[in-house]
């Protein structure tokens, strides 16, 4: 179980690293927009 977890984590890290290397600026922009959406959904809930 622990080996599978470490393996999947290393795969995810590898994919993230390759994504960041390929499109550095786009990834940063995506993270910013995701944070904005999270903040909006937290603080402006439509009743």
N, C-alpha and C. Protein backbone atom coordinates (compact mmCIF):
# COMPACT_ATOMS: atom_id res chain seq x y z
N UNK A 1 0.84 -1.20 0.00
CA UNK A 1 0.00 0.00 0.00
C UNK A 1 0.88 1.26 0.00
N UNK A 2 1.89 1.24 0.86
CA UNK A 2 2.76 2.42 0.94
C UNK A 2 3.55 2.62 -0.36
N UNK A 3 3.98 1.50 -0.96
CA UNK A 3 4.73 1.61 -2.22
C UNK A 3 3.87 2.19 -3.32
N UNK A 4 2.61 1.76 -3.39
CA UNK A 4 1.71 2.29 -4.43
C UNK A 4 1.54 3.79 -4.25
N UNK A 5 1.36 4.23 -3.00
CA UNK A 5 1.16 5.65 -2.73
C UNK A 5 2.37 6.46 -3.18
N UNK A 6 3.57 5.97 -2.81
CA UNK A 6 4.79 6.68 -3.22
C UNK A 6 4.93 6.71 -4.73
N UNK A 7 4.59 5.59 -5.38
CA UNK A 7 4.71 5.52 -6.84
C UNK A 7 3.77 6.52 -7.50
N UNK A 8 2.51 6.56 -7.04
CA UNK A 8 1.54 7.48 -7.65
C UNK A 8 1.94 8.92 -7.37
N UNK A 9 2.46 9.19 -6.18
CA UNK A 9 2.91 10.54 -5.86
C UNK A 9 4.05 10.96 -6.77
N UNK A 10 5.01 10.07 -6.99
CA UNK A 10 6.14 10.42 -7.86
C UNK A 10 5.68 10.65 -9.29
N UNK A 11 4.67 9.88 -9.73
CA UNK A 11 4.14 10.08 -11.08
C UNK A 11 3.48 11.46 -11.18
N UNK A 12 2.68 11.81 -10.18
CA UNK A 12 2.00 13.11 -10.19
C UNK A 12 3.03 14.24 -10.20
N UNK A 13 4.06 14.11 -9.36
CA UNK A 13 5.10 15.14 -9.29
C UNK A 13 5.81 15.26 -10.64
N UNK A 14 6.09 14.12 -11.26
CA UNK A 14 6.76 14.14 -12.56
C UNK A 14 5.91 14.84 -13.61
N UNK A 15 4.62 14.53 -13.62
CA UNK A 15 3.72 15.16 -14.59
C UNK A 15 3.65 16.66 -14.36
N UNK A 16 3.52 17.06 -13.09
CA UNK A 16 3.46 18.48 -12.77
C UNK A 16 4.74 19.19 -13.21
N UNK A 17 5.88 18.58 -12.93
CA UNK A 17 7.15 19.20 -13.31
C UNK A 17 7.25 19.38 -14.81
N UNK A 18 6.84 18.36 -15.58
CA UNK A 18 6.92 18.45 -17.03
C UNK A 18 5.95 19.52 -17.55
N UNK A 19 4.76 19.60 -16.92
CA UNK A 19 3.80 20.63 -17.33
C UNK A 19 4.37 22.02 -17.09
N UNK A 20 4.95 22.21 -15.90
CA UNK A 20 5.50 23.53 -15.57
C UNK A 20 6.65 23.88 -16.51
N UNK A 21 7.47 22.86 -16.88
CA UNK A 21 8.59 23.12 -17.79
C UNK A 21 8.08 23.49 -19.18
N UNK A 22 7.00 22.83 -19.63
CA UNK A 22 6.51 23.06 -20.99
C UNK A 22 5.85 24.44 -21.09
N UNK A 23 4.89 24.71 -20.20
CA UNK A 23 4.21 26.01 -20.26
C UNK A 23 4.22 26.65 -18.87
N UNK A 24 5.31 27.37 -18.61
CA UNK A 24 5.56 27.94 -17.29
C UNK A 24 4.52 29.02 -16.96
N UNK A 25 4.39 30.00 -17.86
CA UNK A 25 3.51 31.13 -17.58
C UNK A 25 2.05 30.70 -17.53
N UNK A 26 1.66 29.81 -18.43
CA UNK A 26 0.26 29.37 -18.48
C UNK A 26 -0.13 28.67 -17.18
N UNK A 27 0.78 27.85 -16.65
CA UNK A 27 0.49 27.13 -15.41
C UNK A 27 0.27 28.12 -14.27
N UNK A 28 1.12 29.15 -14.19
CA UNK A 28 0.99 30.15 -13.13
C UNK A 28 -0.36 30.86 -13.24
N UNK A 29 -0.72 31.25 -14.47
CA UNK A 29 -2.00 31.93 -14.68
C UNK A 29 -3.16 31.03 -14.28
N UNK A 30 -3.07 29.74 -14.64
CA UNK A 30 -4.13 28.80 -14.29
C UNK A 30 -4.29 28.72 -12.77
N UNK A 31 -3.17 28.63 -12.03
CA UNK A 31 -3.26 28.57 -10.58
C UNK A 31 -3.93 29.82 -10.02
N UNK A 32 -3.59 30.99 -10.56
CA UNK A 32 -4.19 32.24 -10.08
C UNK A 32 -5.70 32.24 -10.30
N UNK A 33 -6.13 31.81 -11.48
CA UNK A 33 -7.57 31.81 -11.75
C UNK A 33 -8.29 30.80 -10.88
N UNK A 34 -7.63 29.65 -10.60
CA UNK A 34 -8.23 28.66 -9.71
C UNK A 34 -8.39 29.24 -8.31
N UNK A 35 -7.38 29.93 -7.82
CA UNK A 35 -7.47 30.56 -6.50
C UNK A 35 -8.60 31.57 -6.47
N UNK A 36 -8.73 32.39 -7.53
CA UNK A 36 -9.81 33.37 -7.59
C UNK A 36 -11.17 32.68 -7.51
N UNK A 37 -11.34 31.59 -8.25
CA UNK A 37 -12.60 30.87 -8.23
C UNK A 37 -12.88 30.30 -6.86
N UNK A 38 -11.85 29.75 -6.20
CA UNK A 38 -12.04 29.20 -4.86
C UNK A 38 -12.46 30.29 -3.88
N UNK A 39 -11.80 31.44 -3.93
CA UNK A 39 -12.12 32.54 -3.02
C UNK A 39 -13.54 33.03 -3.27
N UNK A 40 -13.90 33.19 -4.55
CA UNK A 40 -15.25 33.65 -4.88
C UNK A 40 -16.30 32.68 -4.37
N UNK A 41 -16.07 31.38 -4.58
CA UNK A 41 -17.06 30.39 -4.15
C UNK A 41 -17.15 30.35 -2.63
N UNK A 42 -16.07 30.67 -1.93
CA UNK A 42 -16.10 30.66 -0.47
C UNK A 42 -16.84 31.87 0.08
N UNK A 43 -16.53 33.05 -0.45
CA UNK A 43 -17.00 34.28 0.19
C UNK A 43 -18.26 34.86 -0.44
N UNK A 44 -18.58 34.44 -1.66
CA UNK A 44 -19.81 34.95 -2.26
C UNK A 44 -20.71 33.77 -2.62
N UNK A 45 -21.39 33.24 -1.61
CA UNK A 45 -22.29 32.11 -1.85
C UNK A 45 -23.68 32.61 -2.17
N UNK A 46 -24.20 32.23 -3.32
CA UNK A 46 -25.60 32.60 -3.63
C UNK A 46 -26.57 31.79 -2.79
N UNK A 47 -27.39 32.48 -2.04
CA UNK A 47 -28.34 31.77 -1.16
C UNK A 47 -29.54 31.27 -1.94
